[in-house]
Amino acid sequence: MSEAKVTTDHNEIRTWVEARGGHPARVINTEDKGGSGVLRIDYPGYSGEQTLEPVTWEEFFRGFEENKLSFLYQEETKAGEESRFSKLIDRDSAEAKKKAA
């Protein structure tokens, strides 16, 4: 497995996700009173079809910043193939990981 990377750069995140056919989404019925809800990245053909709803990149990044998130991702798999592994993590834990490295 290639080394995981962490970023908060909106352009880097959007480019990585779109290059893999993904789009921003949130878990249905998790937004409340103007909040962003539980954010996810959705890929065609994955199991999120019944539980996720698409959101714009603007909505996604507003929630990303409001919730102080970071994007953890992997460029390629152990076999050297393009990876779709990504995870939204708390920004504070991302900073701790960077300092420990």
C-alpha atoms as a PDB file:
ATOM      1  CA  MET A   1       0.000   0.000   0.000  1.00  0.00           C
ATOM      2  CA  SER A   2       1.298   3.446  -0.798  1.00  0.00           C
ATOM      3  CA  GLU A   3       1.680   5.908   2.023  1.00  0.00           C
ATOM      4  CA  ALA A   4      -1.438   7.790   3.079  1.00  0.00           C
ATOM      5  CA  LYS A   5      -1.467  11.557   2.641  1.00  0.00           C
ATOM      6  CA  VAL A   6      -3.451  14.224   4.464  1.00  0.00           C
ATOM      7  CA  THR A   7      -4.615  17.552   3.039  1.00  0.00           C
ATOM      8  CA  THR A   8      -7.064  20.383   3.639  1.00  0.00           C
ATOM      9  CA  ASP A   9      -6.498  21.923   0.185  1.00  0.00           C
ATOM     10  CA  HIS A  10      -9.879  22.146  -1.565  1.00  0.00           C
ATOM     11  CA  ASN A  11      -8.430  22.017  -5.091  1.00  0.00           C
ATOM     12  CA  GLU A  12      -6.286  18.981  -4.286  1.00  0.00           C
ATOM     13  CA  ILE A  13      -9.272  17.156  -2.782  1.00  0.00           C
ATOM     14  CA  ARG A  14     -11.611  17.969  -5.664  1.00  0.00           C
ATOM     15  CA  THR A  15      -9.032  16.985  -8.291  1.00  0.00           C
ATOM     16  CA  TRP A  16      -8.271  13.666  -6.563  1.00  0.00           C
ATOM     17  CA  VAL A  17     -11.956  12.764  -6.110  1.00  0.00           C
ATOM     18  CA  GLU A  18     -13.054  13.735  -9.633  1.00  0.00           C
ATOM     19  CA  ALA A  19     -10.115  11.869 -11.205  1.00  0.00           C
ATOM     20  CA  ARG A  20     -11.549   8.714  -9.620  1.00  0.00           C
ATOM     21  CA  GLY A  21     -15.145   9.383 -10.692  1.00  0.00           C
ATOM     22  CA  GLY A  22     -16.315  10.441  -7.234  1.00  0.00           C
ATOM     23  CA  HIS A  23     -18.470  13.321  -6.092  1.00  0.00           C
ATOM     24  CA  PRO A  24     -19.328  15.015  -2.792  1.00  0.00           C
ATOM     25  CA  ALA A  25     -22.297  13.684  -0.847  1.00  0.00           C
ATOM     26  CA  ARG A  26     -23.872  13.600   2.577  1.00  0.00           C
ATOM     27  CA  VAL A  27     -25.724  10.913   4.472  1.00  0.00           C
ATOM     28  CA  ILE A  28     -29.463  11.412   3.932  1.00  0.00           C
ATOM     29  CA  ASN A  29     -31.326  13.115   6.796  1.00  0.00           C
ATOM     30  CA  THR A  30     -28.205  14.122   8.740  1.00  0.00           C
ATOM     31  CA  GLU A  31     -28.279  17.864   8.030  1.00  0.00           C
ATOM     32  CA  ASP A  32     -29.929  19.964  10.706  1.00  0.00           C
ATOM     33  CA  LYS A  33     -30.813  23.658  10.861  1.00  0.00           C
ATOM     34  CA  GLY A  34     -28.408  24.725   8.158  1.00  0.00           C
ATOM     35  CA  GLY A  35     -25.680  22.277   9.191  1.00  0.00           C
ATOM     36  CA  SER A  36     -23.790  20.289   6.594  1.00  0.00           C
ATOM     37  CA  GLY A  37     -24.717  16.811   7.808  1.00  0.00           C
ATOM     38  CA  VAL A  38     -22.403  13.811   7.655  1.00  0.00           C
ATOM     39  CA  LEU A  39     -20.157  14.299   4.631  1.00  0.00           C
ATOM     40  CA  ARG A  40     -18.909  11.510   2.379  1.00  0.00           C
ATOM     41  CA  ILE A  41     -17.306  10.965  -1.016  1.00  0.00           C
ATOM     42  CA  ASP A  42     -19.518   8.804  -3.233  1.00  0.00           C
ATOM     43  CA  TYR A  43     -18.367   6.686  -6.164  1.00  0.00           C
ATOM     44  CA  PRO A  44     -20.631   5.245  -8.877  1.00  0.00           C
ATOM     45  CA  GLY A  45     -21.440   1.599  -8.229  1.00  0.00           C
ATOM     46  CA  TYR A  46     -20.729   1.704  -4.499  1.00  0.00           C
ATOM     47  CA  SER A  47     -23.263   0.936  -1.802  1.00  0.00           C
ATOM     48  CA  GLY A  48     -24.115   4.543  -0.917  1.00  0.00           C
ATOM     49  CA  GLU A  49     -26.910   4.794  -3.475  1.00  0.00           C
ATOM     50  CA  GLN A  50     -29.723   4.404  -0.918  1.00  0.00           C
ATOM     51  CA  THR A  51     -28.081   6.306   1.941  1.00  0.00           C
ATOM     52  CA  LEU A  52     -26.288   9.247   0.307  1.00  0.00           C
ATOM     53  CA  GLU A  53     -27.478  12.362  -1.476  1.00  0.00           C
ATOM     54  CA  PRO A  54     -25.288  14.516  -3.720  1.00  0.00           C
ATOM     55  CA  VAL A  55     -24.201  17.980  -2.578  1.00  0.00           C
ATOM     56  CA  THR A  56     -22.310  20.702  -4.412  1.00  0.00           C
ATOM     57  CA  TRP A  57     -18.604  21.169  -3.860  1.00  0.00           C
ATOM     58  CA  GLU A  58     -19.457  24.522  -2.260  1.00  0.00           C
ATOM     59  CA  GLU A  59     -21.754  22.817   0.296  1.00  0.00           C
ATOM     60  CA  PHE A  60     -19.207  20.066   0.863  1.00  0.00           C
ATOM     61  CA  PHE A  61     -16.331  22.443   1.551  1.00  0.00           C
ATOM     62  CA  ARG A  62     -18.478  24.678   3.767  1.00  0.00           C
ATOM     63  CA  GLY A  63     -19.182  21.652   5.973  1.00  0.00           C
ATOM     64  CA  PHE A  64     -15.563  20.510   5.648  1.00  0.00           C
ATOM     65  CA  GLU A  65     -14.386  23.816   7.149  1.00  0.00           C
ATOM     66  CA  GLU A  66     -17.208  24.138   9.712  1.00  0.00           C
ATOM     67  CA  ASN A  67     -16.362  20.696  11.066  1.00  0.00           C
ATOM     68  CA  LYS A  68     -12.587  21.281  10.853  1.00  0.00           C
ATOM     69  CA  LEU A  69     -11.956  18.184   8.750  1.00  0.00           C
ATOM     70  CA  SER A  70      -8.938  16.918   6.834  1.00  0.00           C
ATOM     71  CA  PHE A  71      -8.903  14.557   3.852  1.00  0.00           C
ATOM     72  CA  LEU A  72      -6.858  11.378   4.318  1.00  0.00           C
ATOM     73  CA  TYR A  73      -6.202   9.589   1.037  1.00  0.00           C
ATOM     74  CA  GLN A  74      -4.031   7.096  -0.809  1.00  0.00           C
ATOM     75  CA  GLU A  75      -2.735   7.551  -4.367  1.00  0.00           C
ATOM     76  CA  GLU A  76      -2.290   3.869  -5.197  1.00  0.00           C
ATOM     77  CA  THR A  77      -2.820   0.398  -3.782  1.00  0.00           C
ATOM     78  CA  LYS A  78      -0.098  -1.997  -2.666  1.00  0.00           C
ATOM     79  CA  ALA A  79      -0.308  -3.550  -6.144  1.00  0.00           C
ATOM     80  CA  GLY A  80       0.406  -0.149  -7.704  1.00  0.00           C
ATOM     81  CA  GLU A  81      -3.117   0.439  -9.002  1.00  0.00           C
ATOM     82  CA  GLU A  82      -5.057   3.665  -8.576  1.00  0.00           C
ATOM     83  CA  SER A  83      -6.650   3.773  -5.119  1.00  0.00           C
ATOM     84  CA  ARG A  84     -10.027   5.180  -4.144  1.00  0.00           C
ATOM     85  CA  PHE A  85      -9.249   4.969  -0.433  1.00  0.00           C
ATOM     86  CA  SER A  86     -10.100   8.191   1.345  1.00  0.00           C
ATOM     87  CA  LYS A  87     -11.483   9.242   4.679  1.00  0.00           C
ATOM     88  CA  LEU A  88     -12.603  12.487   6.272  1.00  0.00           C
ATOM     89  CA  ILE A  89     -10.866  12.877   9.619  1.00  0.00           C
ATOM     90  CA  ASP A  90     -10.768  15.431  12.402  1.00  0.00           C
ATOM     91  CA  ARG A  91      -8.215  18.132  11.609  1.00  0.00           C
ATOM     92  CA  ASP A  92      -6.707  17.958  15.102  1.00  0.00           C
ATOM     93  CA  SER A  93      -5.965  14.244  14.734  1.00  0.00           C
ATOM     94  CA  ALA A  94      -4.483  14.916  11.295  1.00  0.00           C
ATOM     95  CA  GLU A  95      -2.086  17.472  12.801  1.00  0.00           C
ATOM     96  CA  ALA A  96      -1.083  14.984  15.488  1.00  0.00           C
ATOM     97  CA  LYS A  97      -0.310  12.376  12.804  1.00  0.00           C
ATOM     98  CA  LYS A  98       1.876  14.838  10.905  1.00  0.00           C
ATOM     99  CA  LYS A  99       3.855  15.710  14.054  1.00  0.00           C
ATOM    100  CA  ALA A 100       4.361  12.043  14.950  1.00  0.00           C
ATOM    101  CA  ALA A 101       5.730  11.204  11.496  1.00  0.00           C
END
